């Protein structure tokens, strides 16, 4: 499926960009990384993987919200 292949490509790009040192990044570089991460989210959202991640995060939020401090 093309959607998954694009998601894998974007994920590889994100990982490579995040491995760089923080001091070496410009504001434009950080904005570009954010755009790539947003694009990855948009590509993953309608897939089964995206729904699984969403369900997992929903369960995590429910369990944390039910805890008493």
PDB file of N, CA and C in Angstrom:
ATOM      1  N   UNK A   1       0.846  -1.177   0.000  1.00  0.00           N
ATOM      2  CA  UNK A   1       0.000   0.000   0.000  1.00  0.00           C
ATOM      3  C   UNK A   1       0.893   1.242   0.000  1.00  0.00           C
ATOM      4  N   UNK A   2       0.600   2.182  -0.843  1.00  0.00           N
ATOM      5  CA  UNK A   2       1.417   3.383  -1.000  1.00  0.00           C
ATOM      6  C   UNK A   2       1.450   4.222   0.272  1.00  0.00           C
ATOM      7  N   UNK A   3       0.361   4.265   1.006  1.00  0.00           N
ATOM      8  CA  UNK A   3       0.300   5.077   2.220  1.00  0.00           C
ATOM      9  C   UNK A   3       1.326   4.618   3.244  1.00  0.00           C
ATOM     10  N   UNK A   4       1.472   3.344   3.421  1.00  0.00           N
ATOM     11  CA  UNK A   4       2.425   2.821   4.389  1.00  0.00           C
ATOM     12  C   UNK A   4       3.848   3.106   3.934  1.00  0.00           C
ATOM     13  N   UNK A   5       4.130   2.972   2.637  1.00  0.00           N
ATOM     14  CA  UNK A   5       5.471   3.252   2.130  1.00  0.00           C
ATOM     15  C   UNK A   5       5.845   4.716   2.344  1.00  0.00           C
ATOM     16  N   UNK A   6       4.929   5.613   2.116  1.00  0.00           N
ATOM     17  CA  UNK A   6       5.172   7.032   2.351  1.00  0.00           C
ATOM     18  C   UNK A   6       5.379   7.287   3.838  1.00  0.00           C
ATOM     19  N   UNK A   7       4.622   6.606   4.675  1.00  0.00           N
ATOM     20  CA  UNK A   7       4.772   6.767   6.120  1.00  0.00           C
ATOM     21  C   UNK A   7       6.152   6.290   6.567  1.00  0.00           C
ATOM     22  N   UNK A   8       6.614   5.190   6.024  1.00  0.00           N
ATOM     23  CA  UNK A   8       7.948   4.681   6.388  1.00  0.00           C
ATOM     24  C   UNK A   8       9.018   5.669   5.948  1.00  0.00           C
ATOM     25  N   UNK A   9       8.889   6.213   4.754  1.00  0.00           N
ATOM     26  CA  UNK A   9       9.848   7.208   4.273  1.00  0.00           C
ATOM     27  C   UNK A   9       9.866   8.439   5.182  1.00  0.00           C
ATOM     28  N   UNK A  10       8.704   8.954   5.540  1.00  0.00           N
ATOM     29  CA  UNK A  10       8.637  10.113   6.425  1.00  0.00           C
ATOM     30  C   UNK A  10       9.197   9.789   7.807  1.00  0.00           C
ATOM     31  N   UNK A  11       8.946   8.590   8.298  1.00  0.00           N
ATOM     32  CA  UNK A  11       9.475   8.185   9.597  1.00  0.00           C
ATOM     33  C   UNK A  11      11.001   8.139   9.582  1.00  0.00           C
ATOM     34  N   UNK A  12      11.571   7.618   8.514  1.00  0.00           N
ATOM     35  CA  UNK A  12      13.033   7.582   8.390  1.00  0.00           C
ATOM     36  C   UNK A  12      13.598   8.995   8.363  1.00  0.00           C
ATOM     37  N   UNK A  13      12.954   9.896   7.629  1.00  0.00           N
ATOM     38  CA  UNK A  13      13.408  11.285   7.565  1.00  0.00           C
ATOM     39  C   UNK A  13      13.335  11.936   8.944  1.00  0.00           C
ATOM     40  N   UNK A  14      12.256  11.707   9.660  1.00  0.00           N
ATOM     41  CA  UNK A  14      12.099  12.293  11.000  1.00  0.00           C
ATOM     42  C   UNK A  14      13.183  11.782  11.939  1.00  0.00           C
ATOM     43  N   UNK A  15      13.420  10.487  11.924  1.00  0.00           N
ATOM     44  CA  UNK A  15      14.449   9.916  12.808  1.00  0.00           C
ATOM     45  C   UNK A  15      15.816  10.493  12.482  1.00  0.00           C
ATOM     46  N   UNK A  16      16.145  10.592  11.205  1.00  0.00           N
ATOM     47  CA  UNK A  16      17.445  11.151  10.823  1.00  0.00           C
ATOM     48  C   UNK A  16      17.573  12.616  11.225  1.00  0.00           C
ATOM     49  N   UNK A  17      16.502  13.372  11.083  1.00  0.00           N
ATOM     50  CA  UNK A  17      16.552  14.790  11.441  1.00  0.00           C
ATOM     51  C   UNK A  17      16.635  14.985  12.954  1.00  0.00           C
ATOM     52  N   UNK A  18      15.986  14.126  13.725  1.00  0.00           N
ATOM     53  CA  UNK A  18      16.003  14.271  15.174  1.00  0.00           C
ATOM     54  C   UNK A  18      17.306  13.784  15.800  1.00  0.00           C
ATOM     55  N   UNK A  19      18.102  13.029  15.069  1.00  0.00           N
ATOM     56  CA  UNK A  19      19.378  12.564  15.595  1.00  0.00           C
ATOM     57  C   UNK A  19      20.426  13.666  15.605  1.00  0.00           C
ATOM     58  N   UNK A  20      20.189  14.741  14.862  1.00  0.00           N
ATOM     59  CA  UNK A  20      21.142  15.846  14.821  1.00  0.00           C
ATOM     60  C   UNK A  20      21.177  16.573  16.155  1.00  0.00           C
ATOM     61  N   UNK A  21      22.282  17.238  16.410  1.00  0.00           N
ATOM     62  CA  UNK A  21      22.420  18.004  17.644  1.00  0.00           C
ATOM     63  C   UNK A  21      21.446  19.179  17.654  1.00  0.00           C
ATOM     64  N   UNK A  22      20.886  19.466  18.805  1.00  0.00           N
ATOM     65  CA  UNK A  22      19.902  20.543  18.931  1.00  0.00           C
ATOM     66  C   UNK A  22      20.528  21.897  18.636  1.00  0.00           C
ATOM     67  N   UNK A  23      21.768  22.108  19.059  1.00  0.00           N
ATOM     68  CA  UNK A  23      22.419  23.406  18.868  1.00  0.00           C
ATOM     69  C   UNK A  23      22.653  23.706  17.391  1.00  0.00           C
ATOM     70  N   UNK A  24      22.717  22.680  16.555  1.00  0.00           N
ATOM     71  CA  UNK A  24      23.017  22.879  15.143  1.00  0.00           C
ATOM     72  C   UNK A  24      21.777  23.217  14.320  1.00  0.00           C
ATOM     73  N   UNK A  25      20.612  23.247  14.940  1.00  0.00           N
ATOM     74  CA  UNK A  25      19.380  23.472  14.191  1.00  0.00           C
ATOM     75  C   UNK A  25      18.996  24.946  14.183  1.00  0.00           C
ATOM     76  N   UNK A  26      18.546  25.396  13.033  1.00  0.00           N
ATOM     77  CA  UNK A  26      18.016  26.752  12.927  1.00  0.00           C
ATOM     78  C   UNK A  26      16.500  26.695  13.142  1.00  0.00           C
ATOM     79  N   UNK A  27      15.883  27.846  13.261  1.00  0.00           N
ATOM     80  CA  UNK A  27      14.419  27.875  13.425  1.00  0.00           C
ATOM     81  C   UNK A  27      13.727  27.304  12.189  1.00  0.00           C
ATOM     82  N   UNK A  28      14.245  27.624  11.020  1.00  0.00           N
ATOM     83  CA  UNK A  28      13.652  27.093   9.790  1.00  0.00           C
ATOM     84  C   UNK A  28      13.774  25.572   9.752  1.00  0.00           C
ATOM     85  N   UNK A  29      14.895  25.049  10.231  1.00  0.00           N
ATOM     86  CA  UNK A  29      15.102  23.609  10.271  1.00  0.00           C
ATOM     87  C   UNK A  29      14.117  22.958  11.230  1.00  0.00           C
ATOM     88  N   UNK A  30      13.884  23.565  12.375  1.00  0.00           N
ATOM     89  CA  UNK A  30      12.921  23.032  13.340  1.00  0.00           C
ATOM     90  C   UNK A  30      11.501  23.075  12.788  1.00  0.00           C
ATOM     91  N   UNK A  31      11.150  24.142  12.098  1.00  0.00           N
ATOM     92  CA  UNK A  31       9.813  24.248  11.493  1.00  0.00           C
ATOM     93  C   UNK A  31       9.620  23.171  10.441  1.00  0.00           C
ATOM     94  N   UNK A  32      10.662  22.916   9.639  1.00  0.00           N
ATOM     95  CA  UNK A  32      10.579  21.888   8.615  1.00  0.00           C
ATOM     96  C   UNK A  32      10.374  20.515   9.248  1.00  0.00           C
ATOM     97  N   UNK A  33      11.058  20.252  10.356  1.00  0.00           N
ATOM     98  CA  UNK A  33      10.890  18.987  11.059  1.00  0.00           C
ATOM     99  C   UNK A  33       9.460  18.852  11.572  1.00  0.00           C
ATOM    100  N   UNK A  34       8.899  19.913  12.102  1.00  0.00           N
ATOM    101  CA  UNK A  34       7.511  19.885  12.582  1.00  0.00           C
ATOM    102  C   UNK A  34       6.557  19.602  11.422  1.00  0.00           C
ATOM    103  N   UNK A  35       6.779  20.217  10.276  1.00  0.00           N
ATOM    104  CA  UNK A  35       5.921  19.964   9.109  1.00  0.00           C
ATOM    105  C   UNK A  35       6.006  18.503   8.668  1.00  0.00           C
ATOM    106  N   UNK A  36       7.201  17.940   8.699  1.00  0.00           N
ATOM    107  CA  UNK A  36       7.351  16.540   8.317  1.00  0.00           C
ATOM    108  C   UNK A  36       6.615  15.631   9.307  1.00  0.00           C
ATOM    109  N   UNK A  37       6.707  15.936  10.594  1.00  0.00           N
ATOM    110  CA  UNK A  37       6.013  15.139  11.606  1.00  0.00           C
ATOM    111  C   UNK A  37       4.497  15.252  11.431  1.00  0.00           C
ATOM    112  N   UNK A  38       4.011  16.450  11.132  1.00  0.00           N
ATOM    113  CA  UNK A  38       2.575  16.622  10.879  1.00  0.00           C
ATOM    114  C   UNK A  38       2.140  15.837   9.647  1.00  0.00           C
ATOM    115  N   UNK A  39       2.952  15.861   8.599  1.00  0.00           N
ATOM    116  CA  UNK A  39       2.632  15.088   7.393  1.00  0.00           C
ATOM    117  C   UNK A  39       2.598  13.596   7.709  1.00  0.00           C
ATOM    118  N   UNK A  40       3.523  13.140   8.543  1.00  0.00           N
ATOM    119  CA  UNK A  40       3.527  11.734   8.955  1.00  0.00           C
ATOM    120  C   UNK A  40       2.240  11.392   9.693  1.00  0.00           C
ATOM    121  N   UNK A  41       1.793  12.279  10.568  1.00  0.00           N
ATOM    122  CA  UNK A  41       0.542  12.050  11.285  1.00  0.00           C
ATOM    123  C   UNK A  41      -0.650  11.986  10.361  1.00  0.00           C
ATOM    124  N   UNK A  42      -0.689  12.854   9.364  1.00  0.00           N
ATOM    125  CA  UNK A  42      -1.803  12.863   8.411  1.00  0.00           C
ATOM    126  C   UNK A  42      -1.805  11.590   7.578  1.00  0.00           C
ATOM    127  N   UNK A  43      -0.617  11.106   7.220  1.00  0.00           N
ATOM    128  CA  UNK A  43      -0.533   9.883   6.419  1.00  0.00           C
ATOM    129  C   UNK A  43      -0.917   8.659   7.250  1.00  0.00           C
ATOM    130  N   UNK A  44      -0.512   8.624   8.513  1.00  0.00           N
ATOM    131  CA  UNK A  44      -0.803   7.461   9.357  1.00  0.00           C
ATOM    132  C   UNK A  44      -2.229   7.427   9.884  1.00  0.00           C
ATOM    133  N   UNK A  45      -2.855   8.574  10.029  1.00  0.00           N
ATOM    134  CA  UNK A  45      -4.166   8.650  10.684  1.00  0.00           C
ATOM    135  C   UNK A  45      -5.225   7.718  10.078  1.00  0.00           C
ATOM    136  N   UNK A  46      -5.407   7.659   8.759  1.00  0.00           N
ATOM    137  CA  UNK A  46      -6.488   6.812   8.234  1.00  0.00           C
ATOM    138  C   UNK A  46      -6.139   5.332   8.130  1.00  0.00           C
ATOM    139  N   UNK A  47      -4.932   4.930   8.458  1.00  0.00           N
ATOM    140  CA  UNK A  47      -4.537   3.532   8.327  1.00  0.00           C
ATOM    141  C   UNK A  47      -4.870   2.755   9.599  1.00  0.00           C
ATOM    142  N   UNK A  48      -4.747   1.439   9.512  1.00  0.00           N
ATOM    143  CA  UNK A  48      -4.987   0.581  10.676  1.00  0.00           C
ATOM    144  C   UNK A  48      -3.963   0.868  11.766  1.00  0.00           C
ATOM    145  N   UNK A  49      -2.727   1.153  11.365  1.00  0.00           N
ATOM    146  CA  UNK A  49      -1.688   1.487  12.344  1.00  0.00           C
ATOM    147  C   UNK A  49      -2.060   2.766  13.078  1.00  0.00           C
ATOM    148  N   UNK A  50      -2.530   3.762  12.347  1.00  0.00           N
ATOM    149  CA  UNK A  50      -2.929   5.034  12.952  1.00  0.00           C
ATOM    150  C   UNK A  50      -4.083   4.858  13.926  1.00  0.00           C
ATOM    151  N   UNK A  51      -5.056   4.023  13.552  1.00  0.00           N
ATOM    152  CA  UNK A  51      -6.184   3.770  14.453  1.00  0.00           C
ATOM    153  C   UNK A  51      -5.716   3.027  15.697  1.00  0.00           C
ATOM    154  N   UNK A  52      -4.770   2.104  15.524  1.00  0.00           N
ATOM    155  CA  UNK A  52      -4.235   1.379  16.676  1.00  0.00           C
ATOM    156  C   UNK A  52      -3.499   2.303  17.628  1.00  0.00           C
ATOM    157  N   UNK A  53      -2.704   3.217  17.076  1.00  0.00           N
ATOM    158  CA  UNK A  53      -1.994   4.190  17.904  1.00  0.00           C
ATOM    159  C   UNK A  53      -2.984   5.080  18.634  1.00  0.00           C
ATOM    160  N   UNK A  54      -4.019   5.509  17.920  1.00  0.00           N
ATOM    161  CA  UNK A  54      -5.039   6.362  18.532  1.00  0.00           C
ATOM    162  C   UNK A  54      -5.757   5.638  19.672  1.00  0.00           C
ATOM    163  N   UNK A  55      -6.103   4.383  19.453  1.00  0.00           N
ATOM    164  CA  UNK A  55      -6.756   3.601  20.511  1.00  0.00           C
ATOM    165  C   UNK A  55      -5.840   3.426  21.711  1.00  0.00           C
ATOM    166  N   UNK A  56      -4.571   3.133  21.454  1.00  0.00           N
ATOM    167  CA  UNK A  56      -3.606   2.950  22.534  1.00  0.00           C
ATOM    168  C   UNK A  56      -3.437   4.229  23.349  1.00  0.00           C
ATOM    169  N   UNK A  57      -3.328   5.363  22.657  1.00  0.00           N
ATOM    170  CA  UNK A  57      -3.196   6.638  23.362  1.00  0.00           C
ATOM    171  C   UNK A  57      -4.458   6.973  24.144  1.00  0.00           C
ATOM    172  N   UNK A  58      -5.618   6.639  23.578  1.00  0.00           N
ATOM    173  CA  UNK A  58      -6.873   6.872  24.281  1.00  0.00           C
ATOM    174  C   UNK A  58      -6.959   6.066  25.565  1.00  0.00           C
ATOM    175  N   UNK A  59      -6.529   4.812  25.520  1.00  0.00           N
ATOM    176  CA  UNK A  59      -6.519   3.977  26.714  1.00  0.00           C
ATOM    177  C   UNK A  59      -5.538   4.517  27.747  1.00  0.00           C
ATOM    178  N   UNK A  60      -4.383   4.989  27.276  1.00  0.00           N
ATOM    179  CA  UNK A  60      -3.389   5.552  28.185  1.00  0.00           C
ATOM    180  C   UNK A  60      -3.934   6.793  28.886  1.00  0.00           C
ATOM    181  N   UNK A  61      -4.594   7.659  28.119  1.00  0.00           N
ATOM    182  CA  UNK A  61      -5.170   8.880  28.704  1.00  0.00           C
ATOM    183  C   UNK A  61      -6.267   8.523  29.704  1.00  0.00           C
ATOM    184  N   UNK A  62      -7.100   7.544  29.370  1.00  0.00           N
ATOM    185  CA  UNK A  62      -8.158   7.107  30.289  1.00  0.00           C
ATOM    186  C   UNK A  62      -7.577   6.560  31.584  1.00  0.00           C
ATOM    187  N   UNK A  63      -6.511   5.783  31.483  1.00  0.00           N
ATOM    188  CA  UNK A  63      -5.936   5.194  32.687  1.00  0.00           C
ATOM    189  C   UNK A  63      -5.238   6.262  33.540  1.00  0.00           C
ATOM    190  N   UNK A  64      -4.572   7.213  32.905  1.00  0.00           N
ATOM    191  CA  UNK A  64      -3.920   8.287  33.655  1.00  0.00           C
ATOM    192  C   UNK A  64      -4.983   9.213  34.258  1.00  0.00           C
ATOM    193  N   UNK A  65      -6.065   9.466  33.526  1.00  0.00           N
ATOM    194  CA  UNK A  65      -7.126  10.337  34.032  1.00  0.00           C
ATOM    195  C   UNK A  65      -7.872   9.728  35.188  1.00  0.00           C
ATOM    196  N   UNK A  66      -7.888   8.389  35.280  1.00  0.00           N
ATOM    197  CA  UNK A  66      -8.594   7.722  36.360  1.00  0.00           C
ATOM    198  C   UNK A  66      -7.764   7.596  37.636  1.00  0.00           C
ATOM    199  N   UNK A  67      -6.486   7.904  37.555  1.00  0.00           N
ATOM    200  CA  UNK A  67      -5.608   7.784  38.718  1.00  0.00           C
ATOM    201  C   UNK A  67      -5.821   8.958  39.674  1.00  0.00           C
ATOM    202  N   UNK A  68      -5.690   8.678  40.957  1.00  0.00           N
ATOM    203  CA  UNK A  68      -5.795   9.739  41.955  1.00  0.00           C
ATOM    204  C   UNK A  68      -4.413  10.058  42.457  1.00  0.00           C
ATOM    205  N   UNK A  69      -4.126  11.340  42.552  1.00  0.00           N
ATOM    206  CA  UNK A  69      -2.804  11.767  43.019  1.00  0.00           C
ATOM    207  C   UNK A  69      -2.817  12.099  44.482  1.00  0.00           C
TER     208      UNK A  69
END
